Amino acid sequence: MPLQFEQFVSCLRKPLESCAIAGLFNGSTTTAERAGHMAFVEFEPHGVSMILKEAPWVIPAAEIVDPRTLYVAAFHFHSQGYEGYQQYAGTFPLGLSFADDEKAVRQKLGLSVTAGGGNYNPLLGKKMSPWLRTEYQGALLDAQFNGSGRVELMTLFVEDLQQKAAEGKA
Protein backbone atom coordinates (compact mmCIF):
# COMPACT_ATOMS: atom_id res chain seq x y z
CA MET A 1 0.00 0.00 0.00
CA PRO A 2 1.42 3.43 -0.93
CA LEU A 3 2.36 5.77 1.87
CA GLN A 4 0.15 8.66 2.77
CA PHE A 5 1.60 12.01 1.78
CA GLU A 6 1.28 13.21 5.38
CA GLN A 7 3.80 10.56 6.44
CA PHE A 8 6.39 12.36 4.34
CA VAL A 9 5.35 15.76 5.68
CA SER A 10 5.84 14.50 9.24
CA CYS A 11 9.44 13.41 8.45
CA LEU A 12 10.61 16.86 7.34
CA ARG A 13 13.12 18.51 9.69
CA LYS A 14 13.69 15.25 11.56
CA PRO A 15 17.01 13.40 11.87
CA LEU A 16 17.31 10.42 9.57
CA GLU A 17 17.58 8.06 12.55
CA SER A 18 14.43 9.25 14.35
CA CYS A 19 12.16 9.43 11.35
CA ALA A 20 11.86 5.68 10.81
CA ILE A 21 12.49 6.26 7.11
CA ALA A 22 13.55 2.63 6.68
CA GLY A 23 10.08 1.52 7.72
CA LEU A 24 8.40 3.81 5.21
CA PHE A 25 9.16 1.46 2.35
CA ASN A 26 8.41 -1.98 3.75
CA GLY A 27 11.75 -2.28 5.50
CA SER A 28 13.95 -0.91 2.72
CA THR A 29 17.34 -0.09 4.12
CA THR A 30 18.45 3.51 4.04
CA THR A 31 21.96 4.11 2.82
CA ALA A 32 22.57 7.83 2.54
CA GLU A 33 25.17 8.86 -0.02
CA ARG A 34 26.86 11.86 1.59
CA ALA A 35 28.24 14.75 -0.49
CA GLY A 36 29.48 17.68 1.59
CA HIS A 37 26.73 18.96 3.89
CA MET A 38 24.09 16.90 2.07
CA ALA A 39 23.14 13.28 1.57
CA PHE A 40 20.79 11.46 -0.79
CA VAL A 41 18.66 8.36 -0.41
CA GLU A 42 16.89 6.81 -3.40
CA PHE A 43 13.87 4.54 -3.36
CA GLU A 44 13.61 4.10 -7.16
CA PRO A 45 11.08 1.23 -7.10
CA HIS A 46 8.78 3.48 -5.01
CA GLY A 47 9.28 6.61 -7.12
CA VAL A 48 10.76 8.58 -4.23
CA SER A 49 14.11 10.15 -3.45
CA MET A 50 15.09 12.01 -0.31
CA ILE A 51 17.54 14.83 0.39
CA LEU A 52 19.11 15.24 3.80
CA LYS A 53 21.13 18.23 4.95
CA GLU A 54 23.23 18.97 8.00
CA ALA A 55 21.44 20.69 10.89
CA PRO A 56 22.34 24.35 10.12
CA TRP A 57 20.59 24.09 6.74
CA VAL A 58 17.35 22.63 8.14
CA ILE A 59 16.66 23.52 11.76
CA PRO A 60 16.97 26.79 13.74
CA ALA A 61 20.36 27.43 15.37
CA ALA A 62 18.88 27.25 18.86
CA GLU A 63 17.84 23.62 18.27
CA ILE A 64 21.19 22.35 16.96
CA VAL A 65 23.01 19.82 19.15
CA ASP A 66 25.40 18.39 16.56
CA PRO A 67 25.78 20.49 13.37
CA ARG A 68 26.80 17.41 11.32
CA THR A 69 23.59 15.50 12.07
CA LEU A 70 21.59 14.92 8.89
CA TYR A 71 17.97 16.07 8.80
CA VAL A 72 15.31 15.36 6.20
CA ALA A 73 15.12 18.43 3.95
CA ALA A 74 13.14 17.21 0.93
CA PHE A 75 11.33 14.42 -0.85
CA HIS A 76 11.09 14.11 -4.64
CA PHE A 77 8.12 12.17 -6.03
CA HIS A 78 8.86 10.96 -9.55
CA SER A 79 6.56 10.30 -12.49
CA GLN A 80 7.03 7.08 -14.47
CA GLY A 81 10.52 6.97 -16.00
CA TYR A 82 11.62 10.39 -14.77
CA GLU A 83 15.32 9.99 -13.90
CA GLY A 84 14.85 6.20 -14.19
CA TYR A 85 12.31 5.90 -11.38
CA GLN A 86 9.08 4.01 -11.14
CA GLN A 87 6.12 6.34 -10.61
CA TYR A 88 5.20 7.29 -7.07
CA ALA A 89 1.92 5.45 -6.43
CA GLY A 90 0.60 7.55 -3.57
CA THR A 91 -1.77 10.46 -3.76
CA PHE A 92 -0.84 14.12 -3.53
CA PRO A 93 -2.60 16.79 -1.49
CA LEU A 94 -4.92 19.38 -3.00
CA GLY A 95 -5.99 16.91 -5.71
CA LEU A 96 -2.69 17.24 -7.58
CA SER A 97 -1.58 14.45 -9.92
CA PHE A 98 1.04 13.63 -12.54
CA ALA A 99 -1.67 13.99 -15.21
CA ASP A 100 -2.10 17.69 -14.40
CA ASP A 101 -0.93 20.46 -16.69
CA GLU A 102 0.10 23.92 -15.52
CA LYS A 103 -3.42 25.34 -15.77
CA ALA A 104 -4.86 22.53 -13.62
CA VAL A 105 -2.08 22.92 -11.04
CA ARG A 106 -2.69 26.69 -10.85
CA GLN A 107 -6.40 26.07 -10.28
CA LYS A 108 -5.73 23.54 -7.54
CA LEU A 109 -3.12 25.66 -5.76
CA GLY A 110 -5.14 28.87 -5.87
CA LEU A 111 -3.68 32.33 -5.62
CA SER A 112 -0.72 31.57 -3.35
CA VAL A 113 1.53 30.35 -6.14
CA THR A 114 5.10 31.22 -7.11
CA ALA A 115 6.32 30.32 -10.61
CA GLY A 116 9.84 29.77 -11.90
CA GLY A 117 12.07 27.86 -14.28
CA GLY A 118 11.59 27.72 -18.01
CA ASN A 119 14.82 29.62 -18.66
CA TYR A 120 18.18 28.50 -20.01
CA ASN A 121 20.84 27.83 -17.36
CA PRO A 122 24.31 28.33 -18.89
CA LEU A 123 26.00 26.68 -15.90
CA LEU A 124 24.05 23.45 -16.50
CA GLY A 125 23.91 23.94 -20.27
CA LYS A 126 20.19 23.26 -20.49
CA LYS A 127 16.75 24.76 -20.18
CA MET A 128 15.33 24.49 -16.68
CA SER A 129 11.93 22.87 -16.31
CA PRO A 130 9.13 25.27 -15.38
CA TRP A 131 7.61 24.86 -11.91
CA LEU A 132 4.88 26.16 -9.62
CA ARG A 133 5.29 26.36 -5.83
CA THR A 134 3.00 26.84 -2.86
CA GLU A 135 3.27 26.61 0.90
CA TYR A 136 1.96 23.39 2.38
CA GLN A 137 1.79 22.59 6.09
CA GLY A 138 4.88 24.58 7.05
CA ALA A 139 6.85 23.37 4.04
CA LEU A 140 6.94 24.09 0.30
CA LEU A 141 5.42 22.00 -2.46
CA ASP A 142 6.66 22.23 -6.07
CA ALA A 143 5.15 20.84 -9.24
CA GLN A 144 7.74 20.62 -12.05
CA PHE A 145 6.56 20.27 -15.66
CA ASN A 146 7.99 18.28 -18.58
CA GLY A 147 8.22 19.31 -22.23
CA SER A 148 4.61 18.24 -22.76
CA GLY A 149 3.45 20.53 -19.98
CA ARG A 150 2.52 17.75 -17.53
CA VAL A 151 3.77 17.26 -13.98
CA GLU A 152 6.94 15.16 -14.04
CA LEU A 153 8.16 15.72 -10.49
CA MET A 154 6.60 16.85 -7.23
CA THR A 155 8.91 18.07 -4.47
CA LEU A 156 8.08 18.59 -0.82
CA PHE A 157 10.82 20.53 0.96
CA VAL A 158 11.80 22.92 3.72
CA GLU A 159 13.48 26.26 3.17
CA ASP A 160 17.27 26.26 3.23
CA LEU A 161 18.06 28.24 6.40
CA GLN A 162 21.63 29.02 5.33
CA GLN A 163 20.41 30.51 2.03
CA LYS A 164 17.65 32.36 3.82
CA ALA A 165 20.19 33.87 6.27
CA ALA A 166 22.50 34.88 3.41
CA GLU A 167 19.58 36.69 1.75
CA GLY A 168 18.83 38.47 5.03
CA LYS A 169 15.46 36.79 5.51
CA ALA A 170 16.27 34.90 8.69
Foldseek 3Di string as FASTA:
>chain_A
DADAPVLVVVQAFPFPVPSPPCVNPVNNDFDWPDDPQKTKTDDQAQQKIWIWGFDLFGDDPVPDDDRSGIGTFKMKAFDPCDVHGHGHPYADPLRDDQADFPVVVCVSQDDQKDKDFQAADVVVRGGGFIWIWHDDPQWIWIFTADPVRTGGMIMTGHGGNVVCVVVVND
